[in-house]
């Protein structure tokens, strides 16, 4: 085996992002991964979400990190000639009026206007059961993780990085 600067163990989301960063930093890399079909990353939802949905708590420094994350994933999409990132909103359905009220208070008293774009009364869409209303969380994003992993893996194979 040739000598490398870094051995990355696991090609989940963290290992994949780290490997892309190391390559761009001109580090030699080898990846050890068994490519499980049901790994944690492959079955994850792939959401980039600026708000803790249960209690309407902003993710730590989300307003700083979200744009950087989007920029980074776009760079990798371009490098791989792939599409796996979609910036979109998330609709938070309220289980009851108390939860809705809590979200509205937090929206009024904090900087939650950075990540909650609007509130809806009940029956936002005919196919939803949202009798207590909902809130639109934006910006958010969805990463098609299987595509991200597979396209990255193809690239890593082409560069002979997989052991």
N, C-alpha and C. Protein backbone atom coordinates (compact mmCIF):
# COMPACT_ATOMS: atom_id res chain seq x y z
N UNK A 1 0.84 -1.18 0.00
CA UNK A 1 0.00 0.00 0.00
C UNK A 1 0.89 1.25 0.00
N UNK A 2 0.47 2.23 -0.78
CA UNK A 2 1.23 3.47 -0.82
C UNK A 2 1.02 4.27 0.46
N UNK A 3 1.95 5.14 0.76
CA UNK A 3 1.86 5.98 1.95
C UNK A 3 0.88 7.12 1.67
N UNK A 4 -0.01 7.38 2.65
CA UNK A 4 -0.98 8.47 2.51
C UNK A 4 -0.91 9.37 3.74
N UNK A 5 -1.40 10.59 3.58
CA UNK A 5 -1.43 11.53 4.70
C UNK A 5 -2.53 11.19 5.69
N UNK A 6 -3.70 10.78 5.15
CA UNK A 6 -4.87 10.55 6.01
C UNK A 6 -5.60 9.30 5.55
N UNK A 7 -6.01 8.48 6.52
CA UNK A 7 -6.90 7.36 6.26
C UNK A 7 -8.26 7.74 6.84
N UNK A 8 -9.28 7.74 5.98
CA UNK A 8 -10.64 8.04 6.40
C UNK A 8 -11.36 6.71 6.57
N UNK A 9 -11.91 6.48 7.76
CA UNK A 9 -12.64 5.25 8.03
C UNK A 9 -14.13 5.55 7.96
N UNK A 10 -14.77 5.03 6.93
CA UNK A 10 -16.20 5.22 6.74
C UNK A 10 -16.48 6.31 5.72
N UNK A 11 -17.33 5.98 4.75
CA UNK A 11 -17.71 6.95 3.74
C UNK A 11 -19.17 7.31 3.90
N UNK A 12 -19.54 7.68 5.15
CA UNK A 12 -20.85 8.26 5.40
C UNK A 12 -20.77 9.74 5.07
N UNK A 13 -21.69 10.51 5.59
CA UNK A 13 -21.71 11.94 5.27
C UNK A 13 -20.45 12.65 5.78
N UNK A 14 -20.03 12.34 6.99
CA UNK A 14 -18.84 13.00 7.55
C UNK A 14 -17.58 12.58 6.81
N UNK A 15 -17.41 11.29 6.59
CA UNK A 15 -16.23 10.81 5.88
C UNK A 15 -16.17 11.31 4.45
N UNK A 16 -17.31 11.40 3.81
CA UNK A 16 -17.36 11.88 2.42
C UNK A 16 -16.99 13.35 2.34
N UNK A 17 -17.60 14.17 3.20
CA UNK A 17 -17.27 15.60 3.21
C UNK A 17 -15.80 15.82 3.57
N UNK A 18 -15.33 15.10 4.58
CA UNK A 18 -13.94 15.22 4.99
C UNK A 18 -13.00 14.86 3.83
N UNK A 19 -13.31 13.79 3.13
CA UNK A 19 -12.45 13.38 2.02
C UNK A 19 -12.41 14.44 0.92
N UNK A 20 -13.56 15.01 0.57
CA UNK A 20 -13.57 16.09 -0.42
C UNK A 20 -12.69 17.26 0.05
N UNK A 21 -12.81 17.62 1.32
CA UNK A 21 -12.01 18.73 1.86
C UNK A 21 -10.52 18.41 1.85
N UNK A 22 -10.17 17.19 2.22
CA UNK A 22 -8.76 16.79 2.24
C UNK A 22 -8.15 16.80 0.84
N UNK A 23 -8.91 16.33 -0.13
CA UNK A 23 -8.43 16.33 -1.51
C UNK A 23 -8.16 17.77 -1.96
N UNK A 24 -9.08 18.66 -1.65
CA UNK A 24 -8.91 20.06 -2.04
C UNK A 24 -7.76 20.73 -1.28
N UNK A 25 -7.43 20.19 -0.11
CA UNK A 25 -6.27 20.69 0.65
C UNK A 25 -4.98 19.99 0.22
N UNK A 26 -5.08 19.22 -0.86
CA UNK A 26 -3.94 18.51 -1.46
C UNK A 26 -3.29 17.50 -0.51
N UNK A 27 -4.14 16.85 0.29
CA UNK A 27 -3.69 15.76 1.15
C UNK A 27 -3.95 14.44 0.42
N UNK A 28 -3.05 13.50 0.57
CA UNK A 28 -3.29 12.17 0.00
C UNK A 28 -4.18 11.40 0.98
N UNK A 29 -5.17 10.70 0.42
CA UNK A 29 -6.22 10.08 1.23
C UNK A 29 -6.45 8.65 0.79
N UNK A 30 -6.75 7.80 1.76
CA UNK A 30 -7.26 6.45 1.49
C UNK A 30 -8.53 6.29 2.32
N UNK A 31 -9.55 5.66 1.73
CA UNK A 31 -10.83 5.48 2.41
C UNK A 31 -11.05 3.99 2.64
N UNK A 32 -11.41 3.66 3.88
CA UNK A 32 -11.81 2.29 4.22
C UNK A 32 -13.30 2.33 4.49
N UNK A 33 -14.07 1.58 3.71
CA UNK A 33 -15.53 1.60 3.86
C UNK A 33 -16.09 0.29 3.32
N UNK A 34 -17.10 -0.24 4.01
CA UNK A 34 -17.72 -1.50 3.57
C UNK A 34 -18.95 -1.27 2.71
N UNK A 35 -19.36 -0.01 2.54
CA UNK A 35 -20.49 0.35 1.66
C UNK A 35 -21.77 -0.41 2.02
N UNK A 36 -22.19 -0.28 3.26
CA UNK A 36 -23.43 -0.92 3.71
C UNK A 36 -24.64 -0.27 3.04
N UNK A 37 -25.59 -1.08 2.65
CA UNK A 37 -26.80 -0.59 2.00
C UNK A 37 -27.73 0.14 2.97
N UNK A 38 -27.63 -0.17 4.26
CA UNK A 38 -28.51 0.46 5.26
C UNK A 38 -27.70 1.20 6.32
N UNK A 39 -26.65 1.90 5.89
CA UNK A 39 -25.86 2.67 6.86
C UNK A 39 -26.68 3.84 7.38
N UNK A 40 -26.25 4.42 8.48
CA UNK A 40 -26.98 5.54 9.08
C UNK A 40 -27.18 6.67 8.08
N UNK A 41 -26.14 7.01 7.33
CA UNK A 41 -26.26 8.10 6.36
C UNK A 41 -27.22 7.74 5.23
N UNK A 42 -27.19 6.52 4.76
CA UNK A 42 -28.05 6.13 3.64
C UNK A 42 -29.54 6.13 4.01
N UNK A 43 -29.86 5.91 5.26
CA UNK A 43 -31.27 5.88 5.65
C UNK A 43 -31.72 7.18 6.32
N UNK A 44 -30.80 8.13 6.47
CA UNK A 44 -31.15 9.41 7.10
C UNK A 44 -32.01 10.24 6.15
N UNK A 45 -32.74 11.18 6.72
CA UNK A 45 -33.64 12.03 5.93
C UNK A 45 -32.89 13.01 5.05
N UNK A 46 -31.70 13.42 5.45
CA UNK A 46 -30.92 14.34 4.64
C UNK A 46 -31.38 15.78 4.74
N UNK A 47 -31.95 16.16 5.87
CA UNK A 47 -32.45 17.52 6.03
C UNK A 47 -31.40 18.42 6.68
N UNK A 48 -31.27 19.61 6.15
CA UNK A 48 -30.51 20.67 6.80
C UNK A 48 -31.57 21.62 7.32
N UNK A 49 -31.69 21.67 8.63
CA UNK A 49 -32.81 22.34 9.26
C UNK A 49 -32.30 23.34 10.30
N UNK A 50 -32.69 24.61 10.20
CA UNK A 50 -32.19 25.62 11.13
C UNK A 50 -32.90 25.67 12.48
N UNK A 51 -33.90 24.82 12.68
CA UNK A 51 -34.73 24.90 13.89
C UNK A 51 -34.91 23.52 14.51
N UNK A 52 -34.77 23.46 15.84
CA UNK A 52 -35.18 22.26 16.56
C UNK A 52 -36.70 22.22 16.55
N UNK A 53 -37.26 21.27 15.84
CA UNK A 53 -38.70 21.28 15.57
C UNK A 53 -39.57 21.05 16.79
N UNK A 54 -39.10 20.32 17.76
CA UNK A 54 -39.95 20.01 18.90
C UNK A 54 -40.28 21.25 19.72
N UNK A 55 -39.25 22.04 20.03
CA UNK A 55 -39.46 23.19 20.92
C UNK A 55 -39.19 24.53 20.26
N UNK A 56 -39.05 24.54 18.95
CA UNK A 56 -38.79 25.78 18.21
C UNK A 56 -37.56 26.49 18.74
N UNK A 57 -36.46 25.79 18.74
CA UNK A 57 -35.19 26.34 19.20
C UNK A 57 -34.27 26.43 18.00
N UNK A 58 -33.69 27.61 17.75
CA UNK A 58 -32.79 27.71 16.60
C UNK A 58 -31.54 26.85 16.79
N UNK A 59 -31.12 26.21 15.72
CA UNK A 59 -29.87 25.47 15.77
C UNK A 59 -28.73 26.46 15.99
N UNK A 60 -27.72 26.02 16.70
CA UNK A 60 -26.61 26.91 17.06
C UNK A 60 -25.97 27.53 15.82
N UNK A 61 -26.01 28.85 15.73
CA UNK A 61 -25.41 29.62 14.62
C UNK A 61 -25.87 29.17 13.24
N UNK A 62 -27.11 28.73 13.15
CA UNK A 62 -27.63 28.26 11.86
C UNK A 62 -27.54 29.34 10.79
N UNK A 63 -27.79 30.58 11.16
CA UNK A 63 -27.75 31.67 10.17
C UNK A 63 -26.35 31.86 9.59
N UNK A 64 -25.31 31.42 10.29
CA UNK A 64 -23.95 31.49 9.76
C UNK A 64 -23.59 30.23 8.97
N UNK A 65 -23.98 29.08 9.50
CA UNK A 65 -23.55 27.81 8.90
C UNK A 65 -24.37 27.39 7.69
N UNK A 66 -25.64 27.74 7.66
CA UNK A 66 -26.50 27.30 6.55
C UNK A 66 -25.95 27.76 5.19
N UNK A 67 -25.65 29.06 5.01
CA UNK A 67 -25.11 29.48 3.71
C UNK A 67 -23.80 28.78 3.34
N UNK A 68 -22.97 28.53 4.33
CA UNK A 68 -21.69 27.85 4.07
C UNK A 68 -21.93 26.40 3.65
N UNK A 69 -22.88 25.75 4.31
CA UNK A 69 -23.20 24.36 3.95
C UNK A 69 -23.74 24.29 2.52
N UNK A 70 -24.64 25.20 2.17
CA UNK A 70 -25.21 25.21 0.83
C UNK A 70 -24.11 25.44 -0.21
N UNK A 71 -23.25 26.41 0.07
CA UNK A 71 -22.14 26.70 -0.84
C UNK A 71 -21.25 25.48 -1.03
N UNK A 72 -20.95 24.80 0.07
CA UNK A 72 -20.06 23.63 -0.01
C UNK A 72 -20.69 22.50 -0.81
N UNK A 73 -21.96 22.20 -0.55
CA UNK A 73 -22.62 21.14 -1.31
C UNK A 73 -22.74 21.51 -2.78
N UNK A 74 -22.96 22.79 -3.11
CA UNK A 74 -23.02 23.22 -4.51
C UNK A 74 -21.66 23.01 -5.20
N UNK A 75 -20.59 23.31 -4.49
CA UNK A 75 -19.25 23.09 -5.05
C UNK A 75 -19.03 21.61 -5.37
N UNK A 76 -19.46 20.75 -4.46
CA UNK A 76 -19.28 19.31 -4.68
C UNK A 76 -20.19 18.84 -5.81
N UNK A 77 -21.42 19.36 -5.89
CA UNK A 77 -22.29 19.03 -7.01
C UNK A 77 -21.61 19.35 -8.34
N UNK A 78 -21.02 20.53 -8.41
CA UNK A 78 -20.34 20.94 -9.65
C UNK A 78 -19.16 20.02 -9.96
N UNK A 79 -18.38 19.73 -8.96
CA UNK A 79 -17.20 18.85 -9.13
C UNK A 79 -17.61 17.46 -9.63
N UNK A 80 -18.72 16.94 -9.10
CA UNK A 80 -19.17 15.59 -9.45
C UNK A 80 -20.13 15.57 -10.63
N UNK A 81 -20.51 16.75 -11.13
CA UNK A 81 -21.52 16.87 -12.18
C UNK A 81 -22.79 16.11 -11.76
N UNK A 82 -23.28 16.48 -10.59
CA UNK A 82 -24.43 15.79 -10.00
C UNK A 82 -25.38 16.80 -9.36
N UNK A 83 -26.61 16.37 -9.14
CA UNK A 83 -27.60 17.18 -8.43
C UNK A 83 -28.12 16.36 -7.26
N UNK A 84 -27.83 16.82 -6.05
CA UNK A 84 -28.34 16.11 -4.88
C UNK A 84 -28.83 17.07 -3.80
N UNK A 85 -28.71 18.37 -4.01
CA UNK A 85 -29.12 19.35 -3.01
C UNK A 85 -30.30 20.15 -3.52
N UNK A 86 -31.31 20.30 -2.67
CA UNK A 86 -32.47 21.12 -3.01
C UNK A 86 -32.80 22.01 -1.81
N UNK A 87 -32.69 23.31 -2.01
CA UNK A 87 -33.08 24.27 -0.97
C UNK A 87 -34.59 24.39 -1.04
N UNK A 88 -35.23 24.22 0.10
CA UNK A 88 -36.69 24.24 0.14
C UNK A 88 -37.14 24.57 1.55
N UNK A 89 -38.42 24.66 1.74
CA UNK A 89 -38.95 24.90 3.08
C UNK A 89 -39.44 23.59 3.68
N UNK A 90 -39.58 23.60 5.00
CA UNK A 90 -40.14 22.48 5.74
C UNK A 90 -41.41 22.98 6.40
N UNK A 91 -42.46 22.22 6.31
CA UNK A 91 -43.72 22.59 6.95
C UNK A 91 -43.83 21.87 8.28
N UNK A 92 -43.88 22.63 9.36
CA UNK A 92 -44.02 22.07 10.72
C UNK A 92 -45.49 22.08 11.08
N UNK A 93 -46.08 20.89 11.18
CA UNK A 93 -47.49 20.78 11.58
C UNK A 93 -47.59 20.83 13.09
N UNK A 94 -48.55 21.55 13.60
CA UNK A 94 -48.72 21.67 15.04
C UNK A 94 -49.69 20.61 15.55
N UNK A 95 -49.28 19.91 16.60
CA UNK A 95 -50.10 18.84 17.18
C UNK A 95 -51.31 19.39 17.92
N UNK A 96 -51.14 20.60 18.49
CA UNK A 96 -52.24 21.21 19.23
C UNK A 96 -52.03 22.72 19.27
N UNK A 97 -53.00 23.42 19.82
CA UNK A 97 -52.95 24.89 19.86
C UNK A 97 -51.85 25.40 20.80
N UNK A 98 -51.54 24.62 21.82
CA UNK A 98 -50.48 25.03 22.76
C UNK A 98 -49.12 25.09 22.06
N UNK A 99 -48.83 24.09 21.25
CA UNK A 99 -47.56 24.08 20.51
C UNK A 99 -47.53 25.24 19.52
N UNK A 100 -48.63 25.47 18.84
CA UNK A 100 -48.72 26.60 17.90
C UNK A 100 -48.46 27.91 18.63
N UNK A 101 -49.09 28.08 19.78
CA UNK A 101 -48.92 29.30 20.57
C UNK A 101 -47.46 29.47 21.00
N UNK A 102 -46.81 28.40 21.44
CA UNK A 102 -45.39 28.46 21.82
C UNK A 102 -44.53 28.93 20.65
N UNK A 103 -44.78 28.39 19.48
CA UNK A 103 -44.01 28.79 18.30
C UNK A 103 -44.25 30.26 17.97
N UNK A 104 -45.49 30.70 18.07
CA UNK A 104 -45.79 32.10 17.75
C UNK A 104 -45.14 33.05 18.75
N UNK A 105 -45.09 32.67 20.01
CA UNK A 105 -44.42 33.51 21.02
C UNK A 105 -42.93 33.57 20.73
N UNK A 106 -42.32 32.44 20.46
CA UNK A 106 -40.88 32.43 20.16
C UNK A 106 -40.57 33.23 18.90
N UNK A 107 -41.45 33.16 17.93
CA UNK A 107 -41.28 33.93 16.70
C UNK A 107 -41.31 35.43 17.00
N UNK A 108 -42.18 35.84 17.89
CA UNK A 108 -42.34 37.26 18.24
C UNK A 108 -41.21 37.78 19.10
N UNK A 109 -40.66 36.95 19.98
CA UNK A 109 -39.71 37.42 20.99
C UNK A 109 -38.24 37.12 20.69
N UNK A 110 -37.95 36.43 19.62
CA UNK A 110 -36.56 36.05 19.32
C UNK A 110 -36.26 36.35 17.86
N UNK A 111 -35.11 35.93 17.41
CA UNK A 111 -34.74 36.11 16.00
C UNK A 111 -35.23 34.96 15.13
N UNK A 112 -36.33 34.36 15.52
CA UNK A 112 -36.83 33.21 14.76
C UNK A 112 -37.36 33.62 13.38
N UNK A 113 -37.53 34.92 13.14
CA UNK A 113 -37.96 35.36 11.82
C UNK A 113 -36.89 35.05 10.76
N UNK A 114 -35.68 34.72 11.21
CA UNK A 114 -34.63 34.29 10.27
C UNK A 114 -34.92 32.91 9.70
N UNK A 115 -35.72 32.12 10.41
CA UNK A 115 -35.94 30.75 9.94
C UNK A 115 -37.40 30.32 9.88
N UNK A 116 -38.31 31.16 10.32
CA UNK A 116 -39.73 30.86 10.14
C UNK A 116 -40.28 31.94 9.21
N UNK A 117 -40.70 31.53 8.03
CA UNK A 117 -41.14 32.53 7.06
C UNK A 117 -42.60 32.92 7.23
N UNK A 118 -43.43 31.99 7.70
CA UNK A 118 -44.84 32.34 7.91
C UNK A 118 -45.56 31.24 8.66
N UNK A 119 -46.72 31.60 9.17
CA UNK A 119 -47.62 30.67 9.85
C UNK A 119 -48.86 30.48 8.99
N UNK A 120 -49.44 29.29 9.09
CA UNK A 120 -50.68 28.99 8.39
C UNK A 120 -51.74 28.61 9.40
N UNK A 121 -52.98 28.97 9.09
CA UNK A 121 -54.10 28.47 9.88
C UNK A 121 -54.32 27.01 9.48
N UNK A 122 -55.37 26.42 9.95
CA UNK A 122 -55.62 25.01 9.66
C UNK A 122 -55.88 24.78 8.17
N UNK A 123 -55.74 23.53 7.78
CA UNK A 123 -56.01 23.08 6.42
C UNK A 123 -55.19 23.83 5.37
N UNK A 124 -53.90 23.85 5.59
CA UNK A 124 -52.97 24.51 4.67
C UNK A 124 -53.08 23.92 3.27
N UNK A 125 -53.10 22.61 3.22
CA UNK A 125 -53.24 21.89 1.95
C UNK A 125 -54.32 20.84 2.14
N UNK A 126 -55.09 20.55 1.11
CA UNK A 126 -56.20 19.61 1.27
C UNK A 126 -55.78 18.19 1.65
N UNK A 127 -54.56 17.81 1.35
CA UNK A 127 -54.10 16.44 1.63
C UNK A 127 -53.47 16.30 3.01
N UNK A 128 -53.39 17.40 3.79
CA UNK A 128 -52.79 17.34 5.13
C UNK A 128 -53.85 17.37 6.21
N UNK A 129 -53.54 16.70 7.29
CA UNK A 129 -54.39 16.79 8.47
C UNK A 129 -53.70 17.75 9.44
N UNK A 130 -53.92 19.03 9.23
CA UNK A 130 -53.27 20.04 10.06
C UNK A 130 -54.31 20.97 10.68
N UNK A 131 -55.17 20.39 11.47
CA UNK A 131 -56.27 21.14 12.08
C UNK A 131 -55.80 22.23 13.03
N UNK A 132 -54.56 22.15 13.48
CA UNK A 132 -54.03 23.15 14.41
C UNK A 132 -53.08 24.14 13.75
N UNK A 133 -52.97 24.08 12.44
CA UNK A 133 -52.12 25.00 11.71
C UNK A 133 -50.70 24.48 11.56
N UNK A 134 -49.86 25.34 11.00
CA UNK A 134 -48.48 24.95 10.70
C UNK A 134 -47.61 26.18 10.55
N UNK A 135 -46.31 25.95 10.47
CA UNK A 135 -45.35 27.02 10.22
C UNK A 135 -44.41 26.56 9.11
N UNK A 136 -44.01 27.52 8.28
CA UNK A 136 -43.05 27.23 7.22
C UNK A 136 -41.66 27.62 7.70
N UNK A 137 -40.78 26.63 7.75
CA UNK A 137 -39.39 26.85 8.17
C UNK A 137 -38.56 27.01 6.89
N UNK A 138 -37.94 28.19 6.76
CA UNK A 138 -37.14 28.49 5.58
C UNK A 138 -36.04 29.47 5.96
N UNK A 139 -34.83 29.29 5.51
CA UNK A 139 -34.39 28.29 4.56
C UNK A 139 -34.09 26.95 5.22
N UNK A 140 -34.34 25.92 4.49
CA UNK A 140 -34.00 24.55 4.85
C UNK A 140 -33.50 23.90 3.56
N UNK A 141 -33.03 22.69 3.68
CA UNK A 141 -32.57 22.01 2.47
C UNK A 141 -32.70 20.51 2.64
N UNK A 142 -32.72 19.84 1.50
CA UNK A 142 -32.74 18.39 1.48
C UNK A 142 -31.58 17.91 0.62
N UNK A 143 -30.82 16.98 1.16
CA UNK A 143 -29.73 16.34 0.41
C UNK A 143 -30.17 14.92 0.09
N UNK A 144 -30.15 14.58 -1.17
CA UNK A 144 -30.40 13.20 -1.58
C UNK A 144 -29.13 12.43 -1.24
N UNK A 145 -29.10 11.89 -0.03
CA UNK A 145 -27.88 11.28 0.49
C UNK A 145 -27.39 10.08 -0.32
N UNK A 146 -28.26 9.17 -0.76
CA UNK A 146 -27.74 8.08 -1.59
C UNK A 146 -27.04 8.58 -2.86
N UNK A 147 -27.59 9.60 -3.51
CA UNK A 147 -26.95 10.15 -4.70
C UNK A 147 -25.62 10.80 -4.34
N UNK A 148 -25.62 11.59 -3.26
CA UNK A 148 -24.39 12.24 -2.80
C UNK A 148 -23.30 11.20 -2.52
N UNK A 149 -23.66 10.14 -1.80
CA UNK A 149 -22.68 9.10 -1.47
C UNK A 149 -22.22 8.33 -2.71
N UNK A 150 -23.18 7.96 -3.56
CA UNK A 150 -22.84 7.16 -4.75
C UNK A 150 -21.96 7.93 -5.73
N UNK A 151 -22.32 9.17 -6.00
CA UNK A 151 -21.52 9.99 -6.93
C UNK A 151 -20.13 10.26 -6.35
N UNK A 152 -20.08 10.50 -5.05
CA UNK A 152 -18.78 10.71 -4.41
C UNK A 152 -17.95 9.44 -4.48
N UNK A 153 -18.60 8.30 -4.23
CA UNK A 153 -17.89 7.02 -4.27
C UNK A 153 -17.32 6.75 -5.66
N UNK A 154 -18.12 7.04 -6.69
CA UNK A 154 -17.63 6.88 -8.07
C UNK A 154 -16.38 7.73 -8.29
N UNK A 155 -16.43 8.96 -7.81
CA UNK A 155 -15.28 9.86 -7.94
C UNK A 155 -14.08 9.31 -7.18
N UNK A 156 -14.31 8.88 -5.94
CA UNK A 156 -13.21 8.35 -5.13
C UNK A 156 -12.59 7.10 -5.78
N UNK A 157 -13.46 6.25 -6.36
CA UNK A 157 -12.95 5.06 -7.08
C UNK A 157 -12.08 5.49 -8.26
N UNK A 158 -12.56 6.49 -9.00
CA UNK A 158 -11.80 6.94 -10.18
C UNK A 158 -10.44 7.52 -9.79
N UNK A 159 -10.35 8.00 -8.56
CA UNK A 159 -9.08 8.54 -8.05
C UNK A 159 -8.29 7.49 -7.26
N UNK A 160 -8.79 6.26 -7.25
CA UNK A 160 -8.14 5.13 -6.55
C UNK A 160 -7.94 5.41 -5.05
N UNK A 161 -8.97 5.94 -4.42
CA UNK A 161 -8.88 6.27 -3.00
C UNK A 161 -9.50 5.21 -2.09
N UNK A 162 -10.32 4.33 -2.65
CA UNK A 162 -11.00 3.31 -1.84
C UNK A 162 -10.12 2.08 -1.66
N UNK A 163 -10.02 1.63 -0.42
CA UNK A 163 -9.25 0.41 -0.14
C UNK A 163 -10.19 -0.78 -0.11
